[in-house]
Amino acid sequence: MVAKKKETAKKPEKAEEKKTAKKAPAKKAAAKEIKTAAKKETKATAAKTVKTVVEKKVSKTAKKSLDELKEVVKEAETPKKEEKAEAKAEVKPAEPRQPKKDKFGRSQAVGKKKDAIARVYLKLGKGKITVNDRDLKDYFPRPVLQMIINQPFAVTAREGQYDVVCTAVGGGLSGQAYALRHGISRALDLFEPELHTALKKAGFLTRDSRVVERKKPGLSKARKRFQFSKR
């Protein structure tokens, strides 16, 4: 009888242990869920706070940038007219060129053509032209060359108003004549700067850069060939 009583007493204890063992995992799971929920809530709140802080900062910077842009636009728009007026006031008209003369009242220049070089001294006179201490007609007997030399005076309507003394070196007569025309034109431009446009349009102020083409090896001249013999 005593043994039976002991067994009956043990049975309810085992049942209680089983119940508690069954309830334990459920409690653990519930605790885990509670912890995860708490973590999620804390993360969500942290994210919300971060978002609010960032939005506030961005809004402040955006407002500042917008205000700065507006100020820049205003500053750029308003002084444009003032700057234009100041620029117009500051820009001074170009001063007219002054004539260049030496102590004897002469303008001197150098003219070139091919290998010819002509140094020209020009001053007011009666239209006398001397080349290498000789009269123009003696040095250049061909009327075409005389006409070429007098072209600057004809274009500017200054014929018979200037005396010219020239020293010509190098080249032939035609080259020296063109060099003399170039030198006279430059000297006229220095003596009377108002004549620059007329001389420039006529092309008398530019140096003619054309030169004789050099001879090539195997040819008789620059491009001329020897006669071909077949046999």
Protein backbone atom coordinates (compact mmCIF):
# COMPACT_ATOMS: atom_id res chain seq x y z
CA MET A 1 0.00 0.00 0.00
CA VAL A 2 2.86 2.30 0.81
CA ALA A 3 4.48 1.69 -2.59
CA LYS A 4 1.25 2.48 -4.37
CA LYS A 5 0.94 5.77 -2.48
CA LYS A 6 4.49 6.70 -3.48
CA GLU A 7 3.77 6.02 -7.16
CA THR A 8 0.58 8.09 -7.03
CA ALA A 9 2.56 10.98 -5.51
CA LYS A 10 5.23 10.81 -8.18
CA LYS A 11 2.71 10.82 -11.06
CA PRO A 12 1.40 14.39 -10.51
CA GLU A 13 4.98 15.68 -10.15
CA LYS A 14 5.95 14.22 -13.52
CA ALA A 15 2.85 15.71 -15.11
CA GLU A 16 3.73 19.14 -13.77
CA GLU A 17 7.30 18.79 -15.08
CA LYS A 18 6.01 17.86 -18.52
CA LYS A 19 3.67 20.86 -18.53
CA THR A 20 6.48 23.20 -17.53
CA ALA A 21 8.77 21.64 -20.20
CA LYS A 22 6.11 22.24 -22.85
CA LYS A 23 5.58 25.86 -21.76
CA ALA A 24 9.33 26.74 -21.71
CA PRO A 25 9.96 26.94 -25.49
CA ALA A 26 6.82 28.95 -25.94
CA LYS A 27 8.05 31.46 -23.36
CA LYS A 28 11.45 31.64 -25.04
CA ALA A 29 9.87 32.28 -28.42
CA ALA A 30 7.66 34.96 -26.93
CA ALA A 31 10.67 36.61 -25.31
CA LYS A 32 12.55 36.54 -28.60
CA GLU A 33 9.62 38.10 -30.42
CA ILE A 34 9.38 40.82 -27.81
CA LYS A 35 13.11 41.57 -28.15
CA THR A 36 12.97 41.67 -31.97
CA ALA A 37 9.92 43.93 -31.85
CA ALA A 38 11.70 46.24 -29.44
CA LYS A 39 14.77 46.32 -31.70
CA LYS A 40 12.63 47.07 -34.76
CA GLU A 41 10.88 49.87 -32.91
CA THR A 42 14.19 51.37 -31.84
CA LYS A 43 15.56 51.14 -35.42
CA ALA A 44 12.42 52.73 -36.86
CA THR A 45 12.55 55.57 -34.37
CA ALA A 46 16.25 56.11 -35.07
CA ALA A 47 15.61 56.17 -38.83
CA LYS A 48 12.78 58.65 -38.35
CA THR A 49 14.97 60.95 -36.29
CA VAL A 50 17.77 60.73 -38.86
CA LYS A 51 15.34 61.53 -41.68
CA THR A 52 13.96 64.54 -39.88
CA VAL A 53 17.45 65.88 -39.14
CA VAL A 54 18.59 65.37 -42.73
CA GLU A 55 15.44 66.98 -44.14
CA LYS A 56 15.90 69.98 -41.90
CA LYS A 57 19.54 70.39 -42.95
CA VAL A 58 18.72 69.92 -46.64
CA SER A 59 15.89 72.41 -46.47
CA LYS A 60 18.16 74.96 -44.79
CA THR A 61 20.93 74.49 -47.36
CA ALA A 62 18.46 74.59 -50.23
CA LYS A 63 16.97 77.82 -48.93
CA LYS A 64 20.43 79.30 -48.54
CA SER A 65 21.44 78.25 -52.04
CA LEU A 66 18.22 79.64 -53.51
CA ASP A 67 18.71 82.93 -51.70
CA GLU A 68 22.31 83.13 -52.88
CA LEU A 69 21.27 82.39 -56.47
CA LYS A 70 18.62 85.09 -56.35
CA GLU A 71 21.16 87.58 -55.04
CA VAL A 72 23.64 86.61 -57.76
CA VAL A 73 20.99 87.01 -60.46
CA LYS A 74 20.02 90.42 -59.12
CA GLU A 75 23.65 91.53 -58.99
CA ALA A 76 24.22 90.25 -62.54
CA GLU A 77 21.13 91.94 -63.94
CA THR A 78 21.40 95.36 -62.33
CA PRO A 79 24.99 96.45 -63.11
CA LYS A 80 24.94 95.43 -66.77
CA LYS A 81 23.65 98.79 -67.92
CA GLU A 82 26.05 100.62 -65.62
CA GLU A 83 28.99 98.53 -66.87
CA LYS A 84 28.05 99.22 -70.49
CA ALA A 85 27.84 102.93 -69.79
CA GLU A 86 31.19 102.86 -67.98
CA ALA A 87 32.77 100.87 -70.82
CA LYS A 88 31.51 103.38 -73.35
CA ALA A 89 32.84 106.21 -71.24
CA GLU A 90 36.20 104.49 -70.75
CA VAL A 91 36.77 103.61 -74.42
CA LYS A 92 38.60 106.52 -75.90
CA PRO A 93 38.74 107.14 -79.62
CA ALA A 94 42.03 106.11 -81.19
CA GLU A 95 44.38 109.00 -81.59
CA PRO A 96 45.30 109.81 -85.19
CA ARG A 97 48.78 108.78 -86.29
CA GLN A 98 51.40 111.47 -86.20
CA PRO A 99 53.74 111.97 -89.19
CA LYS A 100 57.29 110.71 -88.74
CA LYS A 101 60.03 113.05 -89.95
CA ASP A 102 63.71 113.52 -89.21
CA LYS A 103 65.41 116.80 -88.31
CA PHE A 104 65.66 117.70 -92.01
CA GLY A 105 61.90 117.32 -92.53
CA ARG A 106 62.24 114.05 -94.43
CA SER A 107 60.47 110.71 -94.12
CA GLN A 108 62.63 107.72 -94.92
CA ALA A 109 61.62 104.16 -95.74
CA VAL A 110 62.96 101.00 -97.39
CA GLY A 111 61.32 99.27 -100.33
CA LYS A 112 62.04 95.73 -101.59
CA LYS A 113 61.28 93.58 -104.60
CA LYS A 114 63.01 90.29 -105.45
CA ASP A 115 66.72 90.97 -104.73
CA ALA A 116 66.43 94.75 -105.15
CA ILE A 117 66.51 97.10 -102.15
CA ALA A 118 65.71 100.83 -102.38
CA ARG A 119 66.20 103.31 -99.53
CA VAL A 120 63.99 106.35 -100.06
CA TYR A 121 64.16 109.86 -98.56
CA LEU A 122 61.01 111.91 -99.23
CA LYS A 123 60.33 115.59 -98.52
CA LEU A 124 58.23 118.44 -99.86
CA GLY A 125 59.49 119.83 -103.18
CA LYS A 126 58.77 120.17 -106.89
CA GLY A 127 58.57 116.51 -107.92
CA LYS A 128 62.26 115.82 -108.65
CA ILE A 129 63.31 112.14 -108.30
CA THR A 130 66.99 111.16 -108.21
CA VAL A 131 68.21 107.54 -108.10
CA ASN A 132 71.84 106.85 -107.23
CA ASP A 133 72.74 110.50 -107.93
CA ARG A 134 71.13 110.34 -111.40
CA ASP A 135 67.88 111.71 -112.73
CA LEU A 136 64.92 109.34 -112.95
CA LYS A 137 64.73 109.43 -116.75
CA ASP A 138 68.43 108.73 -117.08
CA TYR A 139 68.42 105.80 -114.65
CA PHE A 140 65.08 104.32 -115.87
CA PRO A 141 64.83 105.16 -119.60
CA ARG A 142 61.78 102.93 -120.15
CA PRO A 143 58.55 104.94 -119.69
CA VAL A 144 56.79 101.91 -118.19
CA LEU A 145 59.22 101.86 -115.28
CA GLN A 146 58.85 105.63 -114.83
CA MET A 147 55.06 105.19 -114.70
CA ILE A 148 55.43 102.41 -112.07
CA ILE A 149 57.58 104.66 -109.86
CA ASN A 150 55.11 107.57 -110.07
CA GLN A 151 52.03 105.41 -109.26
CA PRO A 152 51.90 106.27 -105.50
CA PHE A 153 51.78 110.00 -106.30
CA ALA A 154 49.09 109.45 -108.96
CA VAL A 155 46.87 107.39 -106.59
CA THR A 156 47.09 109.97 -103.78
CA ALA A 157 46.91 113.02 -106.10
CA ARG A 158 50.32 114.28 -104.95
CA GLU A 159 52.10 114.55 -108.30
CA GLY A 160 54.81 117.22 -108.41
CA GLN A 161 54.61 117.93 -104.65
CA TYR A 162 57.48 115.84 -103.29
CA ASP A 163 61.17 115.44 -103.98
CA VAL A 164 62.61 111.91 -103.71
CA VAL A 165 66.22 110.85 -103.23
CA CYS A 166 66.83 107.11 -103.53
CA THR A 167 69.70 104.62 -103.43
CA ALA A 168 68.92 101.35 -105.24
CA VAL A 169 70.97 98.17 -104.85
CA GLY A 170 70.66 94.64 -106.25
CA GLY A 171 68.41 93.06 -108.86
CA GLY A 172 67.64 94.46 -112.31
CA LEU A 173 65.99 97.65 -113.47
CA SER A 174 62.43 96.34 -113.18
CA GLY A 175 63.05 94.97 -109.68
CA GLN A 176 64.60 98.25 -108.60
CA ALA A 177 61.64 100.18 -110.06
CA TYR A 178 59.13 98.12 -108.02
CA ALA A 179 61.34 98.43 -104.92
CA LEU A 180 61.41 102.21 -105.41
CA ARG A 181 57.61 102.29 -105.69
CA HIS A 182 57.34 100.29 -102.48
CA GLY A 183 59.74 102.64 -100.66
CA ILE A 184 57.98 105.79 -101.91
CA SER A 185 54.62 104.41 -100.76
CA ARG A 186 55.95 103.67 -97.29
CA ALA A 187 57.58 107.09 -97.01
CA LEU A 188 54.34 108.78 -98.10
CA ASP A 189 52.44 106.80 -95.47
CA LEU A 190 54.85 108.10 -92.82
CA PHE A 191 54.80 111.69 -94.10
CA GLU A 192 51.00 111.85 -94.44
CA PRO A 193 49.21 109.10 -92.45
CA GLU A 194 45.86 110.17 -93.99
CA LEU A 195 46.98 108.56 -97.27
CA HIS A 196 47.26 105.09 -95.70
CA THR A 197 43.89 103.77 -96.91
CA ALA A 198 44.42 104.84 -100.52
CA LEU A 199 47.91 103.31 -100.66
CA LYS A 200 46.75 100.14 -98.90
CA LYS A 201 43.84 99.62 -101.30
CA ALA A 202 46.17 100.02 -104.26
CA GLY A 203 48.46 97.36 -102.75
CA PHE A 204 51.56 99.56 -102.73
CA LEU A 205 52.34 99.10 -99.02
CA THR A 206 52.67 95.30 -99.15
CA ARG A 207 56.00 93.76 -100.03
CA ASP A 208 55.77 91.47 -103.06
CA SER A 209 57.05 88.15 -101.71
CA ARG A 210 57.41 86.48 -105.11
CA VAL A 211 60.98 85.38 -105.81
CA VAL A 212 62.61 83.37 -108.60
CA GLU A 213 62.10 79.66 -108.05
CA ARG A 214 65.30 77.80 -107.38
CA LYS A 215 66.91 75.41 -109.87
CA LYS A 216 66.37 71.68 -109.29
CA PRO A 217 69.04 68.99 -109.73
CA GLY A 218 68.74 67.09 -113.00
CA LEU A 219 66.92 69.98 -114.72
CA SER A 220 68.31 72.85 -116.76
CA LYS A 221 66.29 75.45 -114.80
CA ALA A 222 63.64 75.46 -112.07
CA ARG A 223 61.24 73.38 -114.20
CA LYS A 224 62.77 73.27 -117.67
CA ARG A 225 64.12 69.83 -118.61
CA PHE A 226 66.84 68.73 -120.95
CA GLN A 227 65.76 67.33 -124.30
CA PHE A 228 64.97 63.64 -124.06
CA SER A 229 66.89 61.39 -126.50
CA LYS A 230 65.61 57.86 -126.89
CA ARG A 231 68.85 56.41 -128.18
